[in-house]
N, C-alpha and C. Protein backbone atom coordinates (compact mmCIF):
# COMPACT_ATOMS: atom_id res chain seq x y z
N MET A 1 -14.32 5.16 6.49
CA MET A 1 -13.12 4.99 7.36
C MET A 1 -12.42 6.31 7.41
N GLN A 2 -12.00 6.57 8.61
CA GLN A 2 -11.19 7.84 8.78
C GLN A 2 -9.80 7.40 9.28
N ILE A 3 -8.77 7.98 8.76
CA ILE A 3 -7.33 7.73 9.10
C ILE A 3 -6.77 8.94 9.67
N THR A 4 -6.09 8.78 10.82
CA THR A 4 -5.43 9.86 11.54
C THR A 4 -4.00 9.73 11.21
N VAL A 5 -3.41 10.83 10.67
CA VAL A 5 -1.98 10.82 10.29
C VAL A 5 -1.31 11.87 11.20
N ASN A 6 -0.14 11.52 11.72
CA ASN A 6 0.62 12.42 12.56
C ASN A 6 1.03 13.60 11.65
N SER A 7 1.01 14.83 12.30
CA SER A 7 1.18 16.02 11.54
C SER A 7 2.55 16.09 10.81
N SER A 8 3.58 15.47 11.44
CA SER A 8 4.89 15.39 10.78
C SER A 8 4.89 14.50 9.53
N VAL A 9 4.15 13.39 9.67
CA VAL A 9 4.01 12.50 8.53
C VAL A 9 3.20 13.15 7.41
N LEU A 10 2.13 13.83 7.79
CA LEU A 10 1.30 14.52 6.82
C LEU A 10 2.17 15.58 6.06
N LYS A 11 2.97 16.24 6.76
CA LYS A 11 3.91 17.24 6.11
C LYS A 11 4.75 16.63 5.13
N GLU A 12 5.28 15.39 5.40
CA GLU A 12 6.16 14.68 4.41
C GLU A 12 5.29 14.19 3.23
N LEU A 13 4.14 13.68 3.51
CA LEU A 13 3.27 13.24 2.42
C LEU A 13 2.88 14.44 1.47
N ASP A 14 2.62 15.58 2.06
CA ASP A 14 2.36 16.77 1.23
C ASP A 14 3.59 17.12 0.39
N TYR A 15 4.75 16.99 0.96
CA TYR A 15 5.98 17.25 0.20
C TYR A 15 6.20 16.26 -0.99
N ILE A 16 5.90 15.03 -0.77
CA ILE A 16 5.95 13.97 -1.85
C ILE A 16 5.05 14.41 -3.00
N VAL A 17 3.80 14.83 -2.62
CA VAL A 17 2.82 15.33 -3.66
C VAL A 17 3.39 16.54 -4.37
N GLU A 18 3.93 17.48 -3.60
CA GLU A 18 4.47 18.72 -4.15
C GLU A 18 5.63 18.38 -5.13
N LEU A 19 6.52 17.51 -4.70
CA LEU A 19 7.64 17.13 -5.62
C LEU A 19 7.18 16.50 -6.90
N ARG A 20 6.09 15.62 -6.79
CA ARG A 20 5.59 14.98 -7.97
C ARG A 20 4.97 15.98 -8.89
N ARG A 21 4.23 16.97 -8.34
CA ARG A 21 3.60 18.02 -9.16
C ARG A 21 4.68 18.85 -9.84
N THR A 22 5.77 19.11 -9.16
CA THR A 22 6.81 20.02 -9.73
C THR A 22 7.74 19.30 -10.71
N HIS A 23 8.05 18.05 -10.45
CA HIS A 23 9.05 17.31 -11.25
C HIS A 23 8.53 16.15 -11.97
N GLY A 24 7.21 15.72 -11.75
CA GLY A 24 6.68 14.57 -12.35
C GLY A 24 7.10 13.31 -11.71
N ALA A 25 6.40 12.24 -11.91
CA ALA A 25 6.62 10.95 -11.35
C ALA A 25 5.81 9.93 -12.13
N PRO A 26 6.21 8.67 -12.08
CA PRO A 26 5.40 7.65 -12.81
C PRO A 26 3.93 7.51 -12.37
N ASN A 27 3.66 7.70 -11.09
CA ASN A 27 2.20 7.59 -10.60
C ASN A 27 1.70 8.93 -10.33
N PRO A 28 0.58 9.33 -10.90
CA PRO A 28 0.06 10.64 -10.82
C PRO A 28 -0.69 10.85 -9.42
N MET A 29 0.05 11.18 -8.46
CA MET A 29 -0.56 11.40 -7.12
C MET A 29 -0.78 12.96 -6.97
N ASP A 30 -1.97 13.37 -7.21
CA ASP A 30 -2.29 14.80 -7.09
C ASP A 30 -2.73 15.29 -5.72
N SER A 31 -2.85 14.35 -4.76
CA SER A 31 -3.29 14.71 -3.44
C SER A 31 -2.73 13.69 -2.48
N VAL A 32 -2.72 14.09 -1.18
CA VAL A 32 -2.32 13.12 -0.14
C VAL A 32 -3.28 11.97 -0.05
N ASP A 33 -4.62 12.24 -0.27
CA ASP A 33 -5.63 11.19 -0.27
C ASP A 33 -5.33 10.16 -1.34
N ALA A 34 -4.94 10.59 -2.53
CA ALA A 34 -4.62 9.64 -3.58
C ALA A 34 -3.41 8.88 -3.28
N LEU A 35 -2.38 9.51 -2.71
CA LEU A 35 -1.19 8.79 -2.28
C LEU A 35 -1.41 7.75 -1.31
N ILE A 36 -2.22 8.13 -0.29
CA ILE A 36 -2.51 7.14 0.81
C ILE A 36 -3.36 5.98 0.23
N GLY A 37 -4.26 6.29 -0.64
CA GLY A 37 -5.01 5.21 -1.32
C GLY A 37 -4.17 4.30 -2.13
N PHE A 38 -3.17 4.84 -2.83
CA PHE A 38 -2.26 3.97 -3.59
C PHE A 38 -1.44 3.13 -2.64
N VAL A 39 -0.95 3.68 -1.57
CA VAL A 39 -0.10 2.98 -0.66
C VAL A 39 -0.92 1.83 -0.03
N LEU A 40 -2.14 2.08 0.36
CA LEU A 40 -2.92 1.03 0.97
C LEU A 40 -3.33 -0.04 0.05
N ALA A 41 -3.61 0.31 -1.22
CA ALA A 41 -3.85 -0.68 -2.24
C ALA A 41 -2.65 -1.61 -2.44
N SER A 42 -1.49 -0.95 -2.41
CA SER A 42 -0.25 -1.73 -2.57
C SER A 42 -0.06 -2.72 -1.41
N VAL A 43 -0.35 -2.33 -0.16
CA VAL A 43 -0.34 -3.20 0.96
C VAL A 43 -1.25 -4.33 0.84
N ALA A 44 -2.52 -4.08 0.43
CA ALA A 44 -3.53 -5.11 0.19
C ALA A 44 -3.06 -6.10 -0.94
N ASP A 45 -2.46 -5.57 -2.02
CA ASP A 45 -1.99 -6.47 -3.06
C ASP A 45 -0.85 -7.31 -2.55
N GLY A 46 0.08 -6.75 -1.79
CA GLY A 46 1.17 -7.52 -1.33
C GLY A 46 0.71 -8.60 -0.31
N SER A 47 -0.42 -8.43 0.37
CA SER A 47 -0.93 -9.40 1.28
C SER A 47 -1.38 -10.65 0.48
N ARG A 48 -2.03 -10.43 -0.66
CA ARG A 48 -2.67 -11.54 -1.31
C ARG A 48 -1.79 -12.12 -2.37
N ARG A 49 -0.70 -11.54 -2.81
CA ARG A 49 0.10 -11.96 -3.92
C ARG A 49 1.57 -12.23 -3.52
N PRO A 50 1.85 -13.41 -3.06
CA PRO A 50 3.25 -13.75 -2.78
C PRO A 50 4.04 -13.59 -4.06
N GLY A 51 5.24 -13.09 -3.94
CA GLY A 51 6.13 -12.88 -5.11
C GLY A 51 5.95 -11.57 -5.83
N SER A 52 5.03 -10.76 -5.38
CA SER A 52 4.84 -9.46 -5.97
C SER A 52 5.82 -8.49 -5.35
N TRP A 53 6.02 -7.34 -6.09
CA TRP A 53 6.96 -6.34 -5.43
C TRP A 53 6.37 -5.77 -4.21
N GLU A 54 4.99 -5.75 -4.14
CA GLU A 54 4.34 -5.24 -2.88
C GLU A 54 4.62 -6.17 -1.72
N ARG A 55 4.77 -7.46 -2.02
CA ARG A 55 5.00 -8.42 -0.91
C ARG A 55 6.31 -8.11 -0.18
N GLY A 56 7.31 -7.81 -0.93
CA GLY A 56 8.58 -7.46 -0.37
C GLY A 56 8.51 -6.29 0.59
N MET A 57 7.65 -5.32 0.30
CA MET A 57 7.43 -4.23 1.22
C MET A 57 6.83 -4.71 2.51
N LEU A 58 5.84 -5.48 2.41
CA LEU A 58 5.14 -6.06 3.64
C LEU A 58 6.11 -6.85 4.46
N GLU A 59 6.92 -7.70 3.79
CA GLU A 59 7.87 -8.54 4.54
C GLU A 59 8.85 -7.67 5.32
N GLN A 60 9.34 -6.62 4.67
CA GLN A 60 10.27 -5.65 5.34
C GLN A 60 9.59 -5.04 6.55
N MET A 61 8.33 -4.79 6.50
CA MET A 61 7.63 -4.09 7.63
C MET A 61 7.08 -5.11 8.65
N GLY A 62 7.35 -6.39 8.39
CA GLY A 62 6.91 -7.43 9.39
C GLY A 62 5.44 -7.63 9.37
N LEU A 63 4.70 -7.53 8.22
CA LEU A 63 3.31 -7.56 8.17
C LEU A 63 2.78 -8.92 7.63
N ILE A 64 3.63 -9.86 7.35
CA ILE A 64 3.21 -11.18 6.82
C ILE A 64 3.02 -12.16 8.00
N ALA A 65 1.87 -12.67 8.09
CA ALA A 65 1.63 -13.65 9.19
C ALA A 65 2.30 -14.97 8.88
N ASP A 66 2.73 -15.67 9.94
CA ASP A 66 3.43 -16.93 9.77
C ASP A 66 2.41 -18.05 9.71
N CYS A 67 1.77 -18.09 8.57
CA CYS A 67 0.73 -19.16 8.37
C CYS A 67 0.62 -19.48 6.80
N ASP A 68 0.17 -20.65 6.47
CA ASP A 68 0.05 -21.04 5.10
C ASP A 68 -0.84 -20.12 4.28
N GLU A 69 -1.88 -19.58 4.90
CA GLU A 69 -2.83 -18.78 4.19
C GLU A 69 -2.16 -17.55 3.59
N HIS A 70 -1.18 -16.99 4.31
CA HIS A 70 -0.52 -15.77 3.91
C HIS A 70 0.54 -16.03 2.84
N TYR A 71 0.82 -17.29 2.52
CA TYR A 71 1.79 -17.66 1.55
C TYR A 71 1.14 -18.17 0.33
N THR A 72 -0.20 -18.11 0.18
CA THR A 72 -0.98 -18.71 -0.92
C THR A 72 -1.61 -17.47 -1.68
N TYR A 73 -1.43 -17.52 -3.03
CA TYR A 73 -2.06 -16.49 -3.84
C TYR A 73 -3.56 -16.50 -3.71
N ARG A 74 -4.10 -15.36 -3.63
CA ARG A 74 -5.59 -15.18 -3.60
C ARG A 74 -5.99 -14.19 -4.75
N ALA A 75 -6.92 -14.54 -5.58
CA ALA A 75 -7.36 -13.60 -6.64
C ALA A 75 -8.19 -12.55 -6.15
N ARG A 76 -8.86 -12.76 -5.00
CA ARG A 76 -9.76 -11.74 -4.50
C ARG A 76 -9.27 -11.21 -3.14
N TYR A 77 -9.65 -10.01 -2.79
CA TYR A 77 -9.36 -9.42 -1.49
C TYR A 77 -10.17 -10.03 -0.43
N GLY A 78 -9.58 -10.08 0.82
CA GLY A 78 -10.28 -10.54 2.00
C GLY A 78 -10.22 -12.04 2.15
N ASN A 79 -10.90 -12.49 3.09
CA ASN A 79 -10.99 -13.88 3.46
C ASN A 79 -12.12 -14.69 2.75
N GLU A 80 -12.25 -14.55 1.42
CA GLU A 80 -13.21 -15.19 0.65
C GLU A 80 -12.65 -16.39 -0.01
N VAL A 81 -13.49 -17.45 -0.03
CA VAL A 81 -13.07 -18.70 -0.64
C VAL A 81 -13.50 -18.62 -2.13
N GLU A 82 -12.61 -19.01 -3.08
CA GLU A 82 -13.01 -19.10 -4.47
C GLU A 82 -14.08 -20.06 -4.78
N GLU A 83 -15.02 -19.80 -5.66
CA GLU A 83 -16.03 -20.68 -6.00
C GLU A 83 -15.91 -21.15 -7.42
């Protein structure tokens, strides 16, 4: 998968990584790729885990579908049924 990021947004993401390197932060993001990976994993976790801190982020961005499936905890990623 390839992700295209607006140059202004990339500049800000680089700055976040730079600040983290200079001043430290709880999550060790040493590159923009690592930062984007962390953010996307948080989005995925918020999608499958109602009540998580990540869910609040998705709700604020309007990314939660208005259906029962999106309000049910799922142990696995994706649209897989537990066996």
